[in-house]
Amino acid sequence: MSTGRVKNKNAGKGLTQNCVCCGRNYRFCWSCSCGFQICQACMVENLWGMTCNHITWVCPDCGKILSF
C-alpha cells in the first residue's frame, strides 16, 4: 500500500552543503540555483542586507529573489 509520500533519495546519507560565508559544512543551507549557499546562522546574521520583508531573500551573487 502506497502512502503517497515521495522518498528523498539523499535522506540519511549525511550529505552536506558548504556555507560560503563561514565555510562550514551543514546538512541544510539556504541555496540559490546559481550555487550560492548560506547556513541558517549566517543567514540570520546577514538578514539586514538580504531581505526587507522576511518573506523573501535576494541572492547576493546573482540577484535572484527567493522565498524562505
Protein backbone atom coordinates (compact mmCIF):
# COMPACT_ATOMS: atom_id res chain seq x y z
CA MET A 1 0.00 0.00 0.00
CA SER A 2 1.41 3.38 -1.02
CA THR A 3 1.28 6.30 1.39
CA GLY A 4 1.63 8.85 -1.42
CA ARG A 5 4.79 10.34 0.08
CA VAL A 6 7.84 10.86 -2.07
CA LYS A 7 11.07 9.50 -0.62
CA ASN A 8 14.10 11.76 -0.55
CA LYS A 9 16.95 9.93 -2.31
CA ASN A 10 19.54 11.72 -0.16
CA ALA A 11 17.82 11.23 3.22
CA GLY A 12 20.08 9.67 5.82
CA LYS A 13 23.20 9.77 3.65
CA GLY A 14 24.77 12.62 5.62
CA LEU A 15 25.22 14.81 2.55
CA THR A 16 26.39 18.28 3.48
CA GLN A 17 26.37 21.70 1.91
CA ASN A 18 29.14 24.27 2.28
CA CYS A 19 28.24 27.74 3.58
CA VAL A 20 30.03 30.39 1.51
CA CYS A 21 30.09 32.82 4.47
CA CYS A 22 31.59 30.75 7.30
CA GLY A 23 32.99 27.89 5.22
CA ARG A 24 31.50 25.16 7.41
CA ASN A 25 29.55 22.13 6.20
CA TYR A 26 25.90 21.76 7.16
CA ARG A 27 23.09 19.33 6.37
CA PHE A 28 20.93 22.33 5.39
CA CYS A 29 21.81 25.62 3.76
CA TRP A 30 19.64 28.21 2.07
CA SER A 31 20.55 27.78 -1.59
CA CYS A 32 20.21 29.57 -4.90
CA SER A 33 20.29 27.92 -8.32
CA CYS A 34 23.48 29.89 -9.10
CA GLY A 35 25.35 27.87 -6.45
CA PHE A 36 25.28 30.33 -3.53
CA GLN A 37 24.70 28.54 -0.20
CA ILE A 38 24.36 30.08 3.26
CA CYS A 39 23.76 28.38 6.61
CA GLN A 40 20.96 29.38 8.98
CA ALA A 41 23.29 31.15 11.44
CA CYS A 42 24.91 33.26 8.71
CA MET A 43 21.50 33.98 7.17
CA VAL A 44 20.21 35.33 10.49
CA GLU A 45 23.36 37.42 10.92
CA ASN A 46 23.02 38.88 7.42
CA LEU A 47 19.23 39.27 7.17
CA TRP A 48 19.57 43.06 7.30
CA GLY A 49 21.16 43.03 3.84
CA MET A 50 19.34 40.12 2.22
CA THR A 51 15.66 40.77 2.96
CA CYS A 52 13.35 43.67 3.70
CA ASN A 53 10.15 41.71 4.40
CA HIS A 54 11.35 38.42 5.99
CA ILE A 55 9.35 36.51 3.35
CA THR A 56 11.85 36.60 0.51
CA TRP A 57 15.61 36.97 0.29
CA VAL A 58 17.87 38.19 -2.51
CA CYS A 59 20.86 36.13 -3.57
CA PRO A 60 23.93 38.40 -3.26
CA ASP A 61 25.68 36.63 -6.14
CA CYS A 62 23.05 36.76 -8.89
CA GLY A 63 20.25 38.96 -7.51
CA LYS A 64 17.55 36.28 -7.79
CA ILE A 65 14.62 36.71 -5.38
CA LEU A 66 13.94 33.51 -3.37
CA SER A 67 11.37 32.66 -0.72
CA PHE A 68 12.13 31.36 2.76
